[in-house]
């Protein structure tokens, strides 16, 4: 079994009288591609906030490389862990190559920094954006540049260091070809021994990409395991309220989800044609 890099145990989070997470366990291992899926409001973003240390859980713990997350300085974590948010936000209009170079800031010395920036942009198909201004990019272009920054950040560190990439809906704003490209890039990092966790909404992408899937529903972990074991018609009906056929994909043999129809009770709309007194 591969080495645990990031471990969450018994995570429980309460906010404003609501339970957002309840006793959730999760492990990100070296070289593993882990997808976290679940319907809206399942607790995926809350989980990521706990894993990054942005939120402290009311119960449970997060450990990084065997030690409590809170014992590591932000600089130490930044040398080993990169996070790509749903929406990359910058207050200043930097050039794209400057944005990618920000990923190198936690490292003391980075030989050939300019070359690392360029190859990171090339890997996400964004080398032509090298000199463009950040604010002039589309949402999809910004997402690709943010991913390039994380590549530079992780590869600038020592290869024997525990390293993890955390992706919050990395396919947001991307067309289908670039969705596959983004996950392919993340998969290549896994082959380098980097643990990769991605929060995904697209079940087909999660199934075709991940080695391991964790399913959240109403703040609880309701399933965990390889896609073939997790993505069953029963789970899709219970958790996602979706009737679907699950068959082997014709190319890679992984579960292929074919939606049939939603299992959602219609809401009654007002009778707009009713006579008024």
C-alpha atoms as a PDB file:
ATOM      1  CA  UNK A   1       0.000   0.000   0.000  1.00  0.00           C
ATOM      2  CA  UNK A   2       1.288   3.477  -0.882  1.00  0.00           C
ATOM      3  CA  UNK A   3       2.413   5.958   1.758  1.00  0.00           C
ATOM      4  CA  UNK A   4      -0.231   8.151   3.473  1.00  0.00           C
ATOM      5  CA  UNK A   5       0.593  11.821   2.933  1.00  0.00           C
ATOM      6  CA  UNK A   6      -2.525  13.640   4.094  1.00  0.00           C
ATOM      7  CA  UNK A   7      -4.914  11.998   6.555  1.00  0.00           C
ATOM      8  CA  UNK A   8      -8.232  13.174   7.961  1.00  0.00           C
ATOM      9  CA  UNK A   9      -9.781  11.277  10.850  1.00  0.00           C
ATOM     10  CA  UNK A  10     -13.239  11.796  12.308  1.00  0.00           C
ATOM     11  CA  UNK A  11     -13.684  15.274  10.849  1.00  0.00           C
ATOM     12  CA  UNK A  12     -16.790  16.984  12.219  1.00  0.00           C
ATOM     13  CA  UNK A  13     -17.711  20.590  11.471  1.00  0.00           C
ATOM     14  CA  UNK A  14     -20.642  22.624  12.808  1.00  0.00           C
ATOM     15  CA  UNK A  15     -21.505  26.075  11.498  1.00  0.00           C
ATOM     16  CA  UNK A  16     -24.533  28.232  12.315  1.00  0.00           C
ATOM     17  CA  UNK A  17     -26.408  25.386  13.929  1.00  0.00           C
ATOM     18  CA  UNK A  18     -25.818  23.018  11.001  1.00  0.00           C
ATOM     19  CA  UNK A  19     -23.595  19.962  10.779  1.00  0.00           C
ATOM     20  CA  UNK A  20     -21.518  20.296   7.609  1.00  0.00           C
ATOM     21  CA  UNK A  21     -19.300  17.257   8.193  1.00  0.00           C
ATOM     22  CA  UNK A  22     -19.886  14.312  10.496  1.00  0.00           C
ATOM     23  CA  UNK A  23     -17.088  11.868  11.382  1.00  0.00           C
ATOM     24  CA  UNK A  24     -15.416  11.876   7.948  1.00  0.00           C
ATOM     25  CA  UNK A  25     -12.201   9.895   7.318  1.00  0.00           C
ATOM     26  CA  UNK A  26     -10.027  10.321   4.228  1.00  0.00           C
ATOM     27  CA  UNK A  27      -6.460   9.498   3.195  1.00  0.00           C
ATOM     28  CA  UNK A  28      -4.434  10.899   0.291  1.00  0.00           C
ATOM     29  CA  UNK A  29      -1.595   8.535  -0.591  1.00  0.00           C
ATOM     30  CA  UNK A  30       1.577   8.998  -2.596  1.00  0.00           C
ATOM     31  CA  UNK A  31       0.994   8.391  -6.289  1.00  0.00           C
ATOM     32  CA  UNK A  32      -2.784   8.026  -5.874  1.00  0.00           C
ATOM     33  CA  UNK A  33      -5.557   9.882  -7.720  1.00  0.00           C
ATOM     34  CA  UNK A  34      -8.433  10.415  -5.311  1.00  0.00           C
ATOM     35  CA  UNK A  35     -11.763  11.919  -6.379  1.00  0.00           C
ATOM     36  CA  UNK A  36     -14.247  13.320  -3.867  1.00  0.00           C
ATOM     37  CA  UNK A  37     -17.783  13.432  -5.240  1.00  0.00           C
ATOM     38  CA  UNK A  38     -21.244  14.156  -3.894  1.00  0.00           C
ATOM     39  CA  UNK A  39     -24.335  16.246  -4.584  1.00  0.00           C
ATOM     40  CA  UNK A  40     -24.499  19.967  -3.881  1.00  0.00           C
ATOM     41  CA  UNK A  41     -24.241  20.668  -0.165  1.00  0.00           C
ATOM     42  CA  UNK A  42     -22.658  17.281   0.601  1.00  0.00           C
ATOM     43  CA  UNK A  43     -19.686  18.852   2.423  1.00  0.00           C
ATOM     44  CA  UNK A  44     -16.999  18.676  -0.259  1.00  0.00           C
ATOM     45  CA  UNK A  45     -15.835  22.287   0.067  1.00  0.00           C
ATOM     46  CA  UNK A  46     -15.937  22.084   3.866  1.00  0.00           C
ATOM     47  CA  UNK A  47     -13.748  18.993   3.709  1.00  0.00           C
ATOM     48  CA  UNK A  48     -11.221  20.775   1.502  1.00  0.00           C
ATOM     49  CA  UNK A  49     -11.135  23.749   3.877  1.00  0.00           C
ATOM     50  CA  UNK A  50     -10.250  21.400   6.705  1.00  0.00           C
ATOM     51  CA  UNK A  51      -7.599  19.605   4.652  1.00  0.00           C
ATOM     52  CA  UNK A  52      -5.907  22.905   3.806  1.00  0.00           C
ATOM     53  CA  UNK A  53      -6.150  24.242   7.358  1.00  0.00           C
ATOM     54  CA  UNK A  54      -8.422  27.120   6.367  1.00  0.00           C
ATOM     55  CA  UNK A  55     -11.025  25.788   8.826  1.00  0.00           C
ATOM     56  CA  UNK A  56     -10.408  23.952  12.076  1.00  0.00           C
ATOM     57  CA  UNK A  57     -12.800  21.034  12.657  1.00  0.00           C
ATOM     58  CA  UNK A  58     -14.905  20.882  15.794  1.00  0.00           C
ATOM     59  CA  UNK A  59     -13.810  17.269  16.189  1.00  0.00           C
ATOM     60  CA  UNK A  60     -11.307  15.033  14.470  1.00  0.00           C
ATOM     61  CA  UNK A  61      -7.870  15.797  13.092  1.00  0.00           C
ATOM     62  CA  UNK A  62      -5.827  16.353   9.947  1.00  0.00           C
ATOM     63  CA  UNK A  63      -2.280  15.036   9.710  1.00  0.00           C
ATOM     64  CA  UNK A  64       0.318  15.972   7.121  1.00  0.00           C
ATOM     65  CA  UNK A  65       3.145  13.484   6.555  1.00  0.00           C
ATOM     66  CA  UNK A  66       2.356  11.814   9.874  1.00  0.00           C
ATOM     67  CA  UNK A  67       2.246  14.995  11.976  1.00  0.00           C
ATOM     68  CA  UNK A  68      -0.691  17.271  12.951  1.00  0.00           C
ATOM     69  CA  UNK A  69      -1.318  19.801  10.193  1.00  0.00           C
ATOM     70  CA  UNK A  70      -1.216  22.666  12.707  1.00  0.00           C
ATOM     71  CA  UNK A  71       2.417  21.898  13.600  1.00  0.00           C
ATOM     72  CA  UNK A  72       3.625  22.777  10.089  1.00  0.00           C
ATOM     73  CA  UNK A  73       4.298  26.372   9.098  1.00  0.00           C
ATOM     74  CA  UNK A  74       2.503  27.807   6.036  1.00  0.00           C
ATOM     75  CA  UNK A  75       5.851  28.085   4.243  1.00  0.00           C
ATOM     76  CA  UNK A  76       6.718  24.460   4.934  1.00  0.00           C
ATOM     77  CA  UNK A  77       3.327  23.337   3.623  1.00  0.00           C
ATOM     78  CA  UNK A  78       3.629  25.562   0.544  1.00  0.00           C
ATOM     79  CA  UNK A  79       6.848  23.794  -0.395  1.00  0.00           C
ATOM     80  CA  UNK A  80       5.018  20.481  -0.535  1.00  0.00           C
ATOM     81  CA  UNK A  81       1.350  21.183  -1.154  1.00  0.00           C
ATOM     82  CA  UNK A  82      -0.416  23.107  -3.916  1.00  0.00           C
ATOM     83  CA  UNK A  83      -4.081  24.073  -4.005  1.00  0.00           C
ATOM     84  CA  UNK A  84      -6.073  25.035  -7.105  1.00  0.00           C
ATOM     85  CA  UNK A  85      -9.338  26.729  -6.145  1.00  0.00           C
ATOM     86  CA  UNK A  86     -12.566  26.762  -8.148  1.00  0.00           C
ATOM     87  CA  UNK A  87     -11.897  30.358  -9.130  1.00  0.00           C
ATOM     88  CA  UNK A  88      -8.426  31.832  -9.158  1.00  0.00           C
ATOM     89  CA  UNK A  89      -8.519  35.389  -7.805  1.00  0.00           C
ATOM     90  CA  UNK A  90      -5.798  38.022  -8.020  1.00  0.00           C
ATOM     91  CA  UNK A  91      -6.034  41.674  -7.052  1.00  0.00           C
ATOM     92  CA  UNK A  92      -3.245  42.845  -9.355  1.00  0.00           C
ATOM     93  CA  UNK A  93      -2.907  42.567 -13.106  1.00  0.00           C
ATOM     94  CA  UNK A  94       0.218  40.427 -13.354  1.00  0.00           C
ATOM     95  CA  UNK A  95       1.584  38.905 -16.516  1.00  0.00           C
ATOM     96  CA  UNK A  96       0.837  35.199 -16.832  1.00  0.00           C
ATOM     97  CA  UNK A  97       4.472  34.157 -16.383  1.00  0.00           C
ATOM     98  CA  UNK A  98       4.569  36.185 -13.144  1.00  0.00           C
ATOM     99  CA  UNK A  99       1.471  34.362 -11.864  1.00  0.00           C
ATOM    100  CA  UNK A 100       3.068  30.975 -12.514  1.00  0.00           C
ATOM    101  CA  UNK A 101       6.326  32.129 -10.910  1.00  0.00           C
ATOM    102  CA  UNK A 102       4.390  32.834  -7.685  1.00  0.00           C
ATOM    103  CA  UNK A 103       4.372  29.086  -7.182  1.00  0.00           C
ATOM    104  CA  UNK A 104       8.154  29.228  -6.769  1.00  0.00           C
ATOM    105  CA  UNK A 105       8.056  31.801  -3.942  1.00  0.00           C
ATOM    106  CA  UNK A 106       8.072  29.288  -1.030  1.00  0.00           C
ATOM    107  CA  UNK A 107      11.320  27.728  -2.286  1.00  0.00           C
ATOM    108  CA  UNK A 108      14.672  29.221  -1.363  1.00  0.00           C
ATOM    109  CA  UNK A 109      16.447  28.738  -4.675  1.00  0.00           C
ATOM    110  CA  UNK A 110      14.981  27.425  -7.913  1.00  0.00           C
ATOM    111  CA  UNK A 111      17.547  26.777 -10.668  1.00  0.00           C
ATOM    112  CA  UNK A 112      16.299  27.668 -14.149  1.00  0.00           C
ATOM    113  CA  UNK A 113      13.105  29.206 -12.751  1.00  0.00           C
ATOM    114  CA  UNK A 114      12.140  30.749 -16.078  1.00  0.00           C
ATOM    115  CA  UNK A 115      12.435  27.390 -17.810  1.00  0.00           C
ATOM    116  CA  UNK A 116      10.261  25.731 -15.143  1.00  0.00           C
ATOM    117  CA  UNK A 117       7.619  28.415 -15.652  1.00  0.00           C
ATOM    118  CA  UNK A 118       7.614  27.864 -19.395  1.00  0.00           C
ATOM    119  CA  UNK A 119       7.407  24.076 -19.280  1.00  0.00           C
ATOM    120  CA  UNK A 120       4.598  24.294 -16.703  1.00  0.00           C
ATOM    121  CA  UNK A 121       2.631  26.559 -19.040  1.00  0.00           C
ATOM    122  CA  UNK A 122       3.380  24.282 -21.979  1.00  0.00           C
ATOM    123  CA  UNK A 123       2.095  21.256 -20.092  1.00  0.00           C
ATOM    124  CA  UNK A 124      -1.342  22.848 -19.681  1.00  0.00           C
ATOM    125  CA  UNK A 125      -1.368  24.158 -23.256  1.00  0.00           C
ATOM    126  CA  UNK A 126      -0.935  27.777 -22.186  1.00  0.00           C
ATOM    127  CA  UNK A 127       2.573  28.695 -23.338  1.00  0.00           C
ATOM    128  CA  UNK A 128       1.053  31.150 -25.818  1.00  0.00           C
ATOM    129  CA  UNK A 129      -0.351  33.063 -22.821  1.00  0.00           C
ATOM    130  CA  UNK A 130       3.132  33.611 -21.334  1.00  0.00           C
ATOM    131  CA  UNK A 131       3.107  37.416 -21.715  1.00  0.00           C
ATOM    132  CA  UNK A 132      -0.638  38.041 -21.528  1.00  0.00           C
ATOM    133  CA  UNK A 133      -2.163  39.972 -18.619  1.00  0.00           C
ATOM    134  CA  UNK A 134      -4.113  37.994 -16.044  1.00  0.00           C
ATOM    135  CA  UNK A 135      -7.252  40.135 -16.194  1.00  0.00           C
ATOM    136  CA  UNK A 136      -7.474  39.708 -19.971  1.00  0.00           C
ATOM    137  CA  UNK A 137      -7.793  35.919 -19.713  1.00  0.00           C
ATOM    138  CA  UNK A 138     -11.037  33.978 -19.894  1.00  0.00           C
ATOM    139  CA  UNK A 139     -12.138  31.914 -16.906  1.00  0.00           C
ATOM    140  CA  UNK A 140     -10.876  28.740 -18.551  1.00  0.00           C
ATOM    141  CA  UNK A 141      -7.500  30.302 -19.362  1.00  0.00           C
ATOM    142  CA  UNK A 142      -7.138  31.494 -15.778  1.00  0.00           C
ATOM    143  CA  UNK A 143      -7.902  27.972 -14.554  1.00  0.00           C
ATOM    144  CA  UNK A 144      -5.174  26.514 -16.752  1.00  0.00           C
ATOM    145  CA  UNK A 145      -2.666  29.121 -15.579  1.00  0.00           C
ATOM    146  CA  UNK A 146      -3.551  28.353 -11.950  1.00  0.00           C
ATOM    147  CA  UNK A 147      -2.863  24.688 -12.647  1.00  0.00           C
ATOM    148  CA  UNK A 148       0.484  25.603 -14.247  1.00  0.00           C
ATOM    149  CA  UNK A 149       1.383  27.547 -11.099  1.00  0.00           C
ATOM    150  CA  UNK A 150       0.710  24.452  -8.985  1.00  0.00           C
ATOM    151  CA  UNK A 151       2.896  22.321 -11.292  1.00  0.00           C
ATOM    152  CA  UNK A 152       5.789  24.736 -10.882  1.00  0.00           C
ATOM    153  CA  UNK A 153       5.236  24.908  -7.117  1.00  0.00           C
ATOM    154  CA  UNK A 154       5.343  21.146  -6.622  1.00  0.00           C
ATOM    155  CA  UNK A 155       8.165  20.382  -9.036  1.00  0.00           C
ATOM    156  CA  UNK A 156      10.411  23.073  -7.584  1.00  0.00           C
ATOM    157  CA  UNK A 157      10.603  21.083  -4.358  1.00  0.00           C
ATOM    158  CA  UNK A 158      12.754  18.081  -3.550  1.00  0.00           C
ATOM    159  CA  UNK A 159      11.387  14.964  -5.295  1.00  0.00           C
ATOM    160  CA  UNK A 160      11.765  12.905  -2.100  1.00  0.00           C
ATOM    161  CA  UNK A 161       9.529  15.296  -0.143  1.00  0.00           C
ATOM    162  CA  UNK A 162       5.896  14.367   0.557  1.00  0.00           C
ATOM    163  CA  UNK A 163       3.871  16.305  -2.036  1.00  0.00           C
ATOM    164  CA  UNK A 164       0.131  16.699  -2.582  1.00  0.00           C
ATOM    165  CA  UNK A 165      -2.009  18.532  -5.116  1.00  0.00           C
ATOM    166  CA  UNK A 166      -5.517  19.554  -4.011  1.00  0.00           C
ATOM    167  CA  UNK A 167      -7.948  20.494  -6.773  1.00  0.00           C
ATOM    168  CA  UNK A 168     -11.359  22.065  -6.143  1.00  0.00           C
ATOM    169  CA  UNK A 169     -13.426  21.379  -9.259  1.00  0.00           C
ATOM    170  CA  UNK A 170     -10.440  21.793 -11.602  1.00  0.00           C
ATOM    171  CA  UNK A 171     -12.575  21.344 -14.725  1.00  0.00           C
ATOM    172  CA  UNK A 172     -14.640  24.466 -13.977  1.00  0.00           C
ATOM    173  CA  UNK A 173     -14.825  26.835 -16.953  1.00  0.00           C
ATOM    174  CA  UNK A 174     -13.046  24.340 -19.228  1.00  0.00           C
ATOM    175  CA  UNK A 175     -14.421  22.873 -22.432  1.00  0.00           C
ATOM    176  CA  UNK A 176     -14.458  19.043 -22.705  1.00  0.00           C
ATOM    177  CA  UNK A 177     -11.033  18.691 -24.321  1.00  0.00           C
ATOM    178  CA  UNK A 178      -9.346  20.835 -21.678  1.00  0.00           C
ATOM    179  CA  UNK A 179     -11.205  19.040 -18.886  1.00  0.00           C
ATOM    180  CA  UNK A 180      -9.545  15.815 -19.997  1.00  0.00           C
ATOM    181  CA  UNK A 181      -6.212  17.597 -20.421  1.00  0.00           C
ATOM    182  CA  UNK A 182      -6.318  19.070 -16.904  1.00  0.00           C
ATOM    183  CA  UNK A 183      -6.998  15.696 -15.330  1.00  0.00           C
ATOM    184  CA  UNK A 184      -4.360  14.072 -17.524  1.00  0.00           C
ATOM    185  CA  UNK A 185      -1.797  16.580 -16.213  1.00  0.00           C
ATOM    186  CA  UNK A 186      -2.853  15.813 -12.646  1.00  0.00           C
ATOM    187  CA  UNK A 187      -2.517  12.113 -13.424  1.00  0.00           C
ATOM    188  CA  UNK A 188       1.062  12.609 -14.611  1.00  0.00           C
ATOM    189  CA  UNK A 189       1.894  14.188 -11.252  1.00  0.00           C
ATOM    190  CA  UNK A 190       0.615  11.037  -9.582  1.00  0.00           C
ATOM    191  CA  UNK A 191       3.097   8.971 -11.605  1.00  0.00           C
ATOM    192  CA  UNK A 192       5.819  11.128 -10.015  1.00  0.00           C
ATOM    193  CA  UNK A 193       4.707  10.038  -6.544  1.00  0.00           C
ATOM    194  CA  UNK A 194       2.553  13.068  -5.830  1.00  0.00           C
ATOM    195  CA  UNK A 195      -0.783  12.455  -4.147  1.00  0.00           C
ATOM    196  CA  UNK A 196      -3.663  14.112  -6.005  1.00  0.00           C
ATOM    197  CA  UNK A 197      -7.119  14.860  -4.607  1.00  0.00           C
ATOM    198  CA  UNK A 198      -9.758  16.376  -6.891  1.00  0.00           C
ATOM    199  CA  UNK A 199     -13.274  17.451  -5.998  1.00  0.00           C
ATOM    200  CA  UNK A 200     -15.345  16.652  -9.066  1.00  0.00           C
ATOM    201  CA  UNK A 201     -18.976  17.078 -10.079  1.00  0.00           C
ATOM    202  CA  UNK A 202     -18.749  15.127 -13.321  1.00  0.00           C
ATOM    203  CA  UNK A 203     -19.258  11.472 -12.425  1.00  0.00           C
ATOM    204  CA  UNK A 204     -17.958  10.251 -15.774  1.00  0.00           C
ATOM    205  CA  UNK A 205     -14.690  12.156 -15.312  1.00  0.00           C
ATOM    206  CA  UNK A 206     -14.340  10.876 -11.766  1.00  0.00           C
ATOM    207  CA  UNK A 207     -14.897   7.302 -12.886  1.00  0.00           C
ATOM    208  CA  UNK A 208     -12.446   7.442 -15.788  1.00  0.00           C
ATOM    209  CA  UNK A 209      -9.695   9.283 -13.877  1.00  0.00           C
ATOM    210  CA  UNK A 210      -9.620   8.282 -10.215  1.00  0.00           C
ATOM    211  CA  UNK A 211      -7.937   5.306  -8.578  1.00  0.00           C
ATOM    212  CA  UNK A 212     -10.125   5.771  -5.521  1.00  0.00           C
ATOM    213  CA  UNK A 213     -13.420   7.592  -4.958  1.00  0.00           C
ATOM    214  CA  UNK A 214     -14.884   9.002  -1.746  1.00  0.00           C
ATOM    215  CA  UNK A 215     -18.601   9.835  -1.810  1.00  0.00           C
ATOM    216  CA  UNK A 216     -20.047  12.426   0.559  1.00  0.00           C
ATOM    217  CA  UNK A 217     -23.736  12.939   1.223  1.00  0.00           C
ATOM    218  CA  UNK A 218     -25.219  15.299   3.806  1.00  0.00           C
ATOM    219  CA  UNK A 219     -21.833  15.699   5.445  1.00  0.00           C
ATOM    220  CA  UNK A 220     -21.104  11.989   5.822  1.00  0.00           C
ATOM    221  CA  UNK A 221     -18.852   9.604   3.948  1.00  0.00           C
ATOM    222  CA  UNK A 222     -21.275   7.083   2.478  1.00  0.00           C
ATOM    223  CA  UNK A 223     -18.924   5.149   0.182  1.00  0.00           C
ATOM    224  CA  UNK A 224     -15.221   4.756  -0.500  1.00  0.00           C
ATOM    225  CA  UNK A 225     -13.241   2.538  -2.858  1.00  0.00           C
ATOM    226  CA  UNK A 226     -12.322   1.938  -6.504  1.00  0.00           C
ATOM    227  CA  UNK A 227     -14.777   3.374  -9.065  1.00  0.00           C
ATOM    228  CA  UNK A 228     -16.018  -0.083 -10.083  1.00  0.00           C
ATOM    229  CA  UNK A 229     -17.070  -0.807  -6.488  1.00  0.00           C
ATOM    230  CA  UNK A 230     -18.472   2.626  -5.647  1.00  0.00           C
ATOM    231  CA  UNK A 231     -20.381   3.808  -8.725  1.00  0.00           C
ATOM    232  CA  UNK A 232     -23.306   1.419  -8.674  1.00  0.00           C
ATOM    233  CA  UNK A 233     -26.868   2.102  -9.865  1.00  0.00           C
ATOM    234  CA  UNK A 234     -28.041   1.858  -6.259  1.00  0.00           C
ATOM    235  CA  UNK A 235     -25.618   4.517  -5.025  1.00  0.00           C
ATOM    236  CA  UNK A 236     -26.400   6.826  -7.932  1.00  0.00           C
ATOM    237  CA  UNK A 237     -30.095   6.552  -7.073  1.00  0.00           C
ATOM    238  CA  UNK A 238     -29.669   7.018  -3.319  1.00  0.00           C
ATOM    239  CA  UNK A 239     -27.082   9.789  -3.296  1.00  0.00           C
ATOM    240  CA  UNK A 240     -27.464  11.599  -6.607  1.00  0.00           C
ATOM    241  CA  UNK A 241     -31.169  10.841  -7.180  1.00  0.00           C
ATOM    242  CA  UNK A 242     -30.298   9.650 -10.650  1.00  0.00           C
ATOM    243  CA  UNK A 243     -31.481   6.541 -12.444  1.00  0.00           C
ATOM    244  CA  UNK A 244     -28.561   5.417 -14.565  1.00  0.00           C
ATOM    245  CA  UNK A 245     -27.146   2.379 -16.270  1.00  0.00           C
ATOM    246  CA  UNK A 246     -23.546   1.517 -15.347  1.00  0.00           C
ATOM    247  CA  UNK A 247     -21.697  -0.412 -18.047  1.00  0.00           C
ATOM    248  CA  UNK A 248     -18.026  -0.983 -18.953  1.00  0.00           C
ATOM    249  CA  UNK A 249     -16.574   1.868 -20.998  1.00  0.00           C
ATOM    250  CA  UNK A 250     -15.727   0.637 -24.530  1.00  0.00           C
ATOM    251  CA  UNK A 251     -12.176   2.068 -24.364  1.00  0.00           C
ATOM    252  CA  UNK A 252     -10.856   1.666 -20.831  1.00  0.00           C
ATOM    253  CA  UNK A 253     -13.378  -0.724 -19.238  1.00  0.00           C
ATOM    254  CA  UNK A 254     -14.057   1.484 -16.224  1.00  0.00           C
ATOM    255  CA  UNK A 255     -17.661   2.151 -15.144  1.00  0.00           C
ATOM    256  CA  UNK A 256     -19.498   4.199 -17.747  1.00  0.00           C
ATOM    257  CA  UNK A 257     -22.516   6.025 -16.354  1.00  0.00           C
ATOM    258  CA  UNK A 258     -25.432   6.427 -18.750  1.00  0.00           C
ATOM    259  CA  UNK A 259     -28.110   8.672 -17.176  1.00  0.00           C
ATOM    260  CA  UNK A 260     -31.717   7.630 -17.751  1.00  0.00           C
ATOM    261  CA  UNK A 261     -33.692  10.234 -15.830  1.00  0.00           C
ATOM    262  CA  UNK A 262     -33.567  12.131 -12.520  1.00  0.00           C
ATOM    263  CA  UNK A 263     -35.319  10.743  -9.460  1.00  0.00           C
ATOM    264  CA  UNK A 264     -36.413  14.153  -8.253  1.00  0.00           C
ATOM    265  CA  UNK A 265     -39.979  14.845  -7.202  1.00  0.00           C
ATOM    266  CA  UNK A 266     -41.344  17.821  -9.166  1.00  0.00           C
ATOM    267  CA  UNK A 267     -42.276  20.893  -7.191  1.00  0.00           C
ATOM    268  CA  UNK A 268     -45.741  22.318  -7.608  1.00  0.00           C
ATOM    269  CA  UNK A 269     -45.672  25.677  -9.350  1.00  0.00           C
ATOM    270  CA  UNK A 270     -48.336  28.313  -8.797  1.00  0.00           C
ATOM    271  CA  UNK A 271     -51.277  28.312 -11.192  1.00  0.00           C
ATOM    272  CA  UNK A 272     -50.517  31.431 -13.138  1.00  0.00           C
ATOM    273  CA  UNK A 273     -53.795  31.076 -15.061  1.00  0.00           C
ATOM    274  CA  UNK A 274     -55.991  31.010 -11.973  1.00  0.00           C
ATOM    275  CA  UNK A 275     -58.661  33.657 -11.955  1.00  0.00           C
ATOM    276  CA  UNK A 276     -58.060  36.551  -9.611  1.00  0.00           C
ATOM    277  CA  UNK A 277     -60.902  38.062  -7.614  1.00  0.00           C
END
